């Protein structure tokens, strides 16, 4: 009997609407995760929430929000592991407009694609 091995699938696109982050994979699967699992994304203004980049075809980064997620993390049912104290500190900075890109020294597109 021939063993079935699914081909490797990568992150193809991301949308955020109706309280969910929707991750579409290259094999057609769509993973939906509640935005509330990622407090910084949930708390952010809409324009910051929509300002993300797909990184390495396996994750999503919100540089302005200093947070990210990976496909593997979502498949394992894991949300953000940020402590409440850390989120509160970030929230206060965000409200004052003091958050900046976590990587201000890197030009856009510096991240590589995994094959």
N, C-alpha and C. Protein backbone atom coordinates (compact mmCIF):
# COMPACT_ATOMS: atom_id res chain seq x y z
N UNK A 1 0.83 -1.18 0.00
CA UNK A 1 0.00 0.00 0.00
C UNK A 1 0.88 1.25 0.00
N UNK A 2 0.54 2.21 -0.82
CA UNK A 2 1.30 3.45 -0.91
C UNK A 2 0.90 4.39 0.22
N UNK A 3 1.89 4.95 0.86
CA UNK A 3 1.64 5.89 1.95
C UNK A 3 1.30 7.26 1.38
N UNK A 4 0.24 7.85 1.90
CA UNK A 4 -0.15 9.19 1.46
C UNK A 4 0.64 10.22 2.25
N UNK A 5 1.27 11.11 1.55
CA UNK A 5 1.98 12.22 2.19
C UNK A 5 1.46 13.52 1.60
N UNK A 6 0.79 14.30 2.43
CA UNK A 6 0.30 15.57 1.91
C UNK A 6 1.46 16.48 1.53
N UNK A 7 1.28 17.22 0.46
CA UNK A 7 2.35 18.13 0.07
C UNK A 7 2.41 19.32 1.03
N UNK A 8 3.58 19.89 1.12
CA UNK A 8 3.79 21.02 2.02
C UNK A 8 2.88 22.18 1.61
N UNK A 9 2.25 22.79 2.57
CA UNK A 9 1.37 23.92 2.32
C UNK A 9 1.93 25.15 3.03
N UNK A 10 1.76 26.30 2.39
CA UNK A 10 2.27 27.56 2.94
C UNK A 10 1.14 28.57 3.04
N UNK A 11 1.41 29.62 3.78
CA UNK A 11 0.46 30.72 3.92
C UNK A 11 0.39 31.50 2.63
N UNK A 12 -0.81 31.63 2.08
CA UNK A 12 -1.01 32.31 0.81
C UNK A 12 -1.56 33.72 0.99
N UNK A 13 -2.56 33.86 1.88
CA UNK A 13 -3.15 35.19 2.09
C UNK A 13 -3.77 35.26 3.48
N UNK A 14 -4.02 36.49 3.90
CA UNK A 14 -4.59 36.76 5.22
C UNK A 14 -5.66 37.83 5.08
N UNK A 15 -6.78 37.62 5.74
CA UNK A 15 -7.80 38.67 5.85
C UNK A 15 -8.23 38.72 7.32
N UNK A 16 -8.71 39.87 7.71
CA UNK A 16 -9.21 40.05 9.07
C UNK A 16 -10.57 40.71 8.97
N UNK A 17 -11.60 39.98 9.40
CA UNK A 17 -12.94 40.55 9.40
C UNK A 17 -13.86 39.75 10.31
N UNK A 18 -14.93 40.39 10.72
CA UNK A 18 -15.94 39.76 11.58
C UNK A 18 -15.35 39.08 12.82
N UNK A 19 -14.30 39.68 13.36
CA UNK A 19 -13.71 39.16 14.59
C UNK A 19 -12.78 37.97 14.42
N UNK A 20 -12.40 37.66 13.17
CA UNK A 20 -11.52 36.53 12.90
C UNK A 20 -10.34 36.92 12.03
N UNK A 21 -9.21 36.25 12.26
CA UNK A 21 -8.06 36.31 11.36
C UNK A 21 -8.18 35.05 10.51
N UNK A 22 -8.28 35.22 9.20
CA UNK A 22 -8.45 34.11 8.27
C UNK A 22 -7.14 33.90 7.52
N UNK A 23 -6.57 32.71 7.68
CA UNK A 23 -5.31 32.36 7.04
C UNK A 23 -5.62 31.37 5.91
N UNK A 24 -5.40 31.76 4.67
CA UNK A 24 -5.62 30.86 3.54
C UNK A 24 -4.29 30.23 3.16
N UNK A 25 -4.28 28.90 3.13
CA UNK A 25 -3.07 28.16 2.79
C UNK A 25 -3.05 27.82 1.31
N UNK A 26 -1.87 27.53 0.80
CA UNK A 26 -1.72 27.25 -0.63
C UNK A 26 -2.44 25.98 -1.07
N UNK A 27 -2.82 25.10 -0.13
CA UNK A 27 -3.57 23.90 -0.50
C UNK A 27 -5.07 24.12 -0.44
N UNK A 28 -5.49 25.37 -0.19
CA UNK A 28 -6.91 25.71 -0.19
C UNK A 28 -7.56 25.75 1.18
N UNK A 29 -6.90 25.23 2.21
CA UNK A 29 -7.48 25.29 3.54
C UNK A 29 -7.54 26.72 4.03
N UNK A 30 -8.56 27.01 4.82
CA UNK A 30 -8.68 28.32 5.46
C UNK A 30 -8.75 28.08 6.97
N UNK A 31 -7.81 28.66 7.68
CA UNK A 31 -7.77 28.57 9.14
C UNK A 31 -8.35 29.87 9.68
N UNK A 32 -9.32 29.75 10.57
CA UNK A 32 -9.93 30.93 11.18
C UNK A 32 -9.61 30.92 12.67
N UNK A 33 -9.08 32.03 13.14
CA UNK A 33 -8.75 32.15 14.55
C UNK A 33 -9.37 33.44 15.08
N UNK A 34 -9.99 33.39 16.25
CA UNK A 34 -10.58 34.61 16.80
C UNK A 34 -9.50 35.68 17.04
N UNK A 35 -9.80 36.90 16.65
CA UNK A 35 -8.86 38.01 16.87
C UNK A 35 -8.56 38.15 18.36
N UNK A 36 -9.51 37.86 19.20
CA UNK A 36 -9.31 38.02 20.65
C UNK A 36 -8.18 37.14 21.20
N UNK A 37 -7.76 36.11 20.44
CA UNK A 37 -6.63 35.30 20.87
C UNK A 37 -5.33 36.09 20.82
N UNK A 38 -5.32 37.21 20.11
CA UNK A 38 -4.13 38.05 19.96
C UNK A 38 -4.52 39.46 20.40
N UNK A 39 -4.41 39.72 21.71
CA UNK A 39 -4.93 40.97 22.28
C UNK A 39 -4.46 42.25 21.60
N UNK A 40 -3.19 42.31 21.18
CA UNK A 40 -2.72 43.54 20.53
C UNK A 40 -3.45 43.79 19.22
N UNK A 41 -3.69 42.73 18.47
CA UNK A 41 -4.42 42.85 17.21
C UNK A 41 -5.88 43.23 17.50
N UNK A 42 -6.47 42.60 18.49
CA UNK A 42 -7.86 42.88 18.85
C UNK A 42 -8.04 44.32 19.32
N UNK A 43 -7.08 44.82 20.08
CA UNK A 43 -7.18 46.17 20.66
C UNK A 43 -6.86 47.27 19.65
N UNK A 44 -6.08 46.98 18.64
CA UNK A 44 -5.56 47.99 17.72
C UNK A 44 -6.65 48.69 16.91
N UNK A 45 -6.32 49.90 16.48
CA UNK A 45 -7.18 50.60 15.53
C UNK A 45 -7.24 49.80 14.24
N UNK A 46 -8.33 49.91 13.53
CA UNK A 46 -8.54 49.13 12.31
C UNK A 46 -7.39 49.28 11.32
N UNK A 47 -6.89 50.50 11.12
CA UNK A 47 -5.80 50.69 10.14
C UNK A 47 -4.52 49.96 10.57
N UNK A 48 -4.26 49.87 11.87
CA UNK A 48 -3.09 49.14 12.35
C UNK A 48 -3.33 47.63 12.28
N UNK A 49 -4.56 47.22 12.54
CA UNK A 49 -4.90 45.80 12.47
C UNK A 49 -4.71 45.27 11.04
N UNK A 50 -5.03 46.10 10.06
CA UNK A 50 -4.93 45.68 8.66
C UNK A 50 -3.52 45.86 8.09
N UNK A 51 -2.62 46.45 8.85
CA UNK A 51 -1.24 46.71 8.40
C UNK A 51 -0.32 45.57 8.84
N UNK A 52 -0.34 44.48 8.07
CA UNK A 52 0.44 43.30 8.41
C UNK A 52 1.22 42.83 7.19
N UNK A 53 2.17 41.95 7.43
CA UNK A 53 2.95 41.33 6.35
C UNK A 53 3.02 39.83 6.59
N UNK A 54 2.93 39.08 5.50
CA UNK A 54 3.17 37.64 5.57
C UNK A 54 4.69 37.46 5.59
N UNK A 55 5.16 36.70 6.56
CA UNK A 55 6.59 36.52 6.76
C UNK A 55 6.96 35.05 6.54
N UNK A 56 7.87 34.82 5.62
CA UNK A 56 8.38 33.48 5.40
C UNK A 56 7.33 32.46 4.99
N UNK A 57 6.21 32.93 4.50
CA UNK A 57 5.10 32.07 4.06
C UNK A 57 4.57 31.15 5.16
N UNK A 58 4.97 31.46 6.41
CA UNK A 58 4.52 30.64 7.54
C UNK A 58 3.98 31.47 8.69
N UNK A 59 3.94 32.78 8.54
CA UNK A 59 3.48 33.61 9.64
C UNK A 59 3.03 34.98 9.18
N UNK A 60 2.50 35.72 10.14
CA UNK A 60 2.00 37.08 9.92
C UNK A 60 2.60 37.97 10.99
N UNK A 61 3.10 39.14 10.57
CA UNK A 61 3.66 40.10 11.53
C UNK A 61 2.96 41.43 11.41
N UNK A 62 2.66 42.00 12.56
CA UNK A 62 2.14 43.36 12.66
C UNK A 62 3.27 44.16 13.31
N UNK A 63 4.12 44.75 12.51
CA UNK A 63 5.29 45.43 13.05
C UNK A 63 4.91 46.61 13.93
N UNK A 64 3.90 47.38 13.52
CA UNK A 64 3.48 48.53 14.33
C UNK A 64 2.94 48.09 15.68
N UNK A 65 2.36 46.89 15.73
CA UNK A 65 1.80 46.38 16.98
C UNK A 65 2.79 45.52 17.75
N UNK A 66 3.96 45.27 17.14
CA UNK A 66 5.01 44.47 17.76
C UNK A 66 4.50 43.08 18.17
N UNK A 67 3.79 42.44 17.23
CA UNK A 67 3.27 41.09 17.51
C UNK A 67 3.21 40.29 16.22
N UNK A 68 3.08 38.98 16.36
CA UNK A 68 3.01 38.11 15.20
C UNK A 68 2.28 36.82 15.56
N UNK A 69 2.06 36.00 14.56
CA UNK A 69 1.52 34.66 14.75
C UNK A 69 2.07 33.76 13.66
N UNK A 70 2.04 32.45 13.90
CA UNK A 70 2.49 31.50 12.90
C UNK A 70 1.36 30.52 12.59
N UNK A 71 1.41 29.92 11.41
CA UNK A 71 0.43 28.91 11.04
C UNK A 71 0.48 27.77 12.05
N UNK A 72 1.68 27.33 12.41
CA UNK A 72 1.83 26.23 13.38
C UNK A 72 1.16 26.57 14.71
N UNK A 73 1.32 27.79 15.15
CA UNK A 73 0.71 28.24 16.40
C UNK A 73 -0.81 28.12 16.33
N UNK A 74 -1.39 28.56 15.22
CA UNK A 74 -2.84 28.49 15.05
C UNK A 74 -3.30 27.04 14.97
N UNK A 75 -2.57 26.20 14.23
CA UNK A 75 -2.93 24.78 14.12
C UNK A 75 -2.91 24.08 15.47
N UNK A 76 -2.06 24.56 16.37
CA UNK A 76 -1.96 23.97 17.71
C UNK A 76 -2.96 24.59 18.70
N UNK A 77 -3.76 25.53 18.20
CA UNK A 77 -4.77 26.15 19.06
C UNK A 77 -4.20 27.12 20.06
N UNK A 78 -3.05 27.71 19.75
CA UNK A 78 -2.40 28.63 20.68
C UNK A 78 -2.58 30.07 20.22
N UNK A 79 -2.94 30.91 21.15
CA UNK A 79 -3.00 32.34 20.89
C UNK A 79 -1.73 32.99 21.42
N UNK A 80 -1.81 34.26 21.66
CA UNK A 80 -0.68 35.00 22.22
C UNK A 80 -0.38 34.48 23.63
N UNK A 81 0.90 34.42 23.94
CA UNK A 81 1.28 34.02 25.31
C UNK A 81 1.75 35.22 26.12
N UNK A 82 1.39 36.40 25.65
CA UNK A 82 1.81 37.63 26.34
C UNK A 82 1.12 37.74 27.70
N UNK A 83 1.88 38.14 28.71
CA UNK A 83 1.30 38.31 30.04
C UNK A 83 0.39 39.54 30.06
N UNK A 84 -0.49 39.55 31.03
CA UNK A 84 -1.40 40.69 31.18
C UNK A 84 -0.63 41.97 31.47
N UNK A 85 0.42 41.87 32.27
CA UNK A 85 1.23 43.05 32.61
C UNK A 85 1.93 43.60 31.37
N UNK A 86 2.47 42.72 30.54
CA UNK A 86 3.13 43.15 29.31
C UNK A 86 2.14 43.82 28.37
N UNK A 87 0.95 43.22 28.22
CA UNK A 87 -0.07 43.81 27.35
C UNK A 87 -0.46 45.18 27.86
N UNK A 88 -0.64 45.32 29.16
CA UNK A 88 -1.04 46.61 29.74
C UNK A 88 0.02 47.69 29.47
N UNK A 89 1.29 47.33 29.60
CA UNK A 89 2.37 48.28 29.31
C UNK A 89 2.34 48.69 27.85
N UNK A 90 2.19 47.69 26.96
CA UNK A 90 2.10 47.99 25.53
C UNK A 90 0.89 48.86 25.24
N UNK A 91 -0.25 48.53 25.83
CA UNK A 91 -1.50 49.26 25.60
C UNK A 91 -1.35 50.74 25.96
N UNK A 92 -0.69 51.01 27.08
CA UNK A 92 -0.47 52.40 27.50
C UNK A 92 0.41 53.13 26.49
N UNK A 93 1.46 52.49 26.00
CA UNK A 93 2.33 53.09 24.98
C UNK A 93 1.56 53.32 23.68
N UNK A 94 0.77 52.34 23.29
CA UNK A 94 -0.03 52.43 22.06
C UNK A 94 -1.00 53.60 22.14
N UNK A 95 -1.65 53.74 23.28
CA UNK A 95 -2.62 54.83 23.46
C UNK A 95 -1.95 56.20 23.40
N UNK A 96 -0.69 56.26 23.80
CA UNK A 96 0.06 57.52 23.73
C UNK A 96 0.69 57.73 22.36
N UNK A 97 0.56 56.74 21.48
CA UNK A 97 1.15 56.84 20.15
C UNK A 97 2.64 56.61 20.15
N UNK A 98 3.14 55.88 21.13
CA UNK A 98 4.59 55.70 21.28
C UNK A 98 5.11 54.38 20.74
N UNK A 99 4.27 53.53 20.18
CA UNK A 99 4.78 52.27 19.63
C UNK A 99 5.41 52.53 18.28
N UNK A 100 6.42 51.78 17.98
CA UNK A 100 7.11 51.88 16.70
C UNK A 100 7.35 50.48 16.18
N UNK A 101 7.80 50.40 14.96
CA UNK A 101 8.13 49.11 14.40
C UNK A 101 9.16 48.42 15.28
N UNK A 102 8.97 47.12 15.47
CA UNK A 102 9.93 46.35 16.27
C UNK A 102 11.26 46.23 15.55
N UNK A 103 11.27 46.50 14.24
CA UNK A 103 12.47 46.37 13.43
C UNK A 103 12.67 47.63 12.58
N UNK A 104 12.82 48.80 13.18
CA UNK A 104 12.88 50.04 12.41
C UNK A 104 14.11 50.14 11.51
N UNK A 105 15.11 49.31 11.76
CA UNK A 105 16.37 49.39 11.02
C UNK A 105 16.36 48.50 9.78
N UNK A 106 15.33 47.66 9.60
CA UNK A 106 15.28 46.75 8.46
C UNK A 106 14.43 47.32 7.34
N UNK A 107 14.92 47.30 6.10
CA UNK A 107 14.08 47.75 4.99
C UNK A 107 12.97 46.76 4.72
N UNK A 108 11.87 47.23 4.17
CA UNK A 108 10.75 46.35 3.84
C UNK A 108 11.23 45.26 2.89
N UNK A 109 10.69 44.07 3.06
CA UNK A 109 11.02 42.97 2.16
C UNK A 109 12.32 42.25 2.49
N UNK A 110 12.92 42.54 3.63
CA UNK A 110 14.20 41.93 3.98
C UNK A 110 14.04 40.45 4.35
N UNK A 111 12.83 40.06 4.75
CA UNK A 111 12.61 38.69 5.16
C UNK A 111 12.58 37.77 3.95
N UNK A 112 13.08 36.56 4.13
CA UNK A 112 13.19 35.61 3.04
C UNK A 112 11.98 34.69 2.98
N UNK A 113 11.77 34.09 1.84
CA UNK A 113 10.70 33.12 1.65
C UNK A 113 11.28 31.72 1.83
N UNK A 114 10.58 30.88 2.60
CA UNK A 114 11.02 29.50 2.78
C UNK A 114 10.52 28.66 1.62
N UNK A 115 11.33 27.79 1.15
CA UNK A 115 10.93 26.90 0.05
C UNK A 115 10.52 25.57 0.60
